[in-house]
Amino acid sequence: MSDEYALLRAIAAHPDEDTPRLAYADWLDEHGTAARAAFIRGQVELAQLKDDSPDRREVAFRCRQLLDAHENDWLAVTHTFDLDFAWARGFVESFTSTPEALHGEEADLFATHPLRRLWLRKLNGDASGVQLIPADNRLTALDLIGNRLNTNALKKLVKLSHLPHLRELGLMFNALRDTAIPVLCGEPFFQRLDLLRLGANPFTDVGRARLRTHFGRRVTFSHDREPERLYTIQDDYLRAGWGNDLTQFFLQAGEHEQRLAVFDHAGNLLRIERREVVHPVGANYQQRDKTRESVRDKWLEELGYQSATIKVKRFQFGDGSGLTPFNWWAGTYDQPNSAERAGLDEAVERWLEEGQYRFAFGGSDAWFDRSGEVMDT
C-alpha cells in the first residue's frame, strides 16, 4: 500500500477529523502539489472559522481561485464527479451515482473519499440497488429522488443494515401513496432519521397530516435543498462577483432602483443595499436605459467589482422577489393550469436554477407554492 493511498484511506475512514486531511496536505507539499495542499488547508480553516470576517473572506477567495484554476485536473483523477457534486474541507463529500456505476469502479471511491451524501439515480422502482453502496460507507444523507419507489420498495429499503450513519433521507418525486404511511411510521429504519423529505409524492392531505403528526419537524414536503447546499450564480445575465471587502455580491438592476445583495463566503445573505435611479424628465426609453446603466457601472466601480461565479444560499428580497425578479409572474404558479404558463418558459428555467415553484422530473411537473410546499403534481 502506497503512502498516498494509506493517507486517503485514513481520511475516508475518519471524515469528521481534520488531522488526516492536513497530513495529506503535508504529503502533497512534499511531492510538488502545493496548490492542492493549499486548497485543503484553506477549506479546513474555513470550516473552523465560525464568524464572518475579512480574514475568512480572504481565505475563501483564495480557495475559490485555486478551485477555479485546478478543479478539472483534481477531478480528472477519478473521472467520475461530473454531476451534482460538492467540495467540503478540501475533498468531494457528496456526489451522484447509479447502481451500474456502484457495481463498477465507483464503489472504490468510498475507500479513498470522505463521502457523506449520495444521490442514487436510475433505481427504476427497485430499492435493491441501494445494497450496492459499500458496507464501510460513512454516508449521513441519501437522496433517492425520482426513482418511482413505492410501498414495496420501502419494505426492501428498511431491511438494509449497512447505513448506520444515515440521518437524512430524500424520497421526493417517487410513487409513495398513503399505503406507505404504516411503513414510514412503523419501521425503525425511518424513526432514527433527523430529516425525511417526502415532497412531490401522491399522498392525500389526510396522509400528509398523519406523517406530520408522527414525525413532527423531522418530515418535510417542501422543495428545499439541504441546508448547506449553495446555488451557483454565473455572471451571465446578472453582475455577480467579489467586492473590495471580498464579500460575494450580485447587482439587480431595476427601472427605478438598483439592489445589491451581499453575501459572506458561505453564501449567507449579509445585507441588501439600494440605490435610486433618477431619470431625466421626459426621457425616452433609450435615455432611461442609459441612465440605469450609468448608475450600475458607477456602483460596480465603487465596489471594486471582480467578475466571478458566486455561490449563495436561498433568499428573497423584502418585496417577495428572489434571485430572479419573479414577482411579476409568481401569481401564475398559484394556478397550475393557467394559460399564461406557456409564455413563462425562460423565467421558469431561470428560477429552476434556484429550486422553487415548478420542477419537472421524469416527464411530469410538480408545482410548489411560495413556501416550497407541493400544490399539485
Foldseek 3Di string as FASTA:
>chain_A
DDPLLVLLLVCLLCVVDLVSLLVNLVVCVVVPNNLLSLLLVLLLVLVVDDDFDLVNLVSLVSNVVSCVVCVVVVCVVPVPADPPWDDGSRFTAEGEEELVVLVPDVLCVSSRGNHAEYEYDDCQQALCSVVSNDLSHQYQEYEPEQNQHELVNLVVVLVDDSHVNHAEYHYANYAYELVNLCVCLPRPVNVRHQAYEYANYPYDPVSVVVVCVRNPPRYDRFFFDPPQAWFKDACDVWQWAAFPSSWTWIWDQDLFKIKIFTHGQSQHTDDIDMDTQDADPPDDPVRSVVSSVVVVVVVCVVRRRDHDIGIHAWDAPPVLAGPDRCPVPLVVLVPVPDPCVVVCVVVVVVCVSNGAAWDDGPRDIWGAHSVRHTDGD
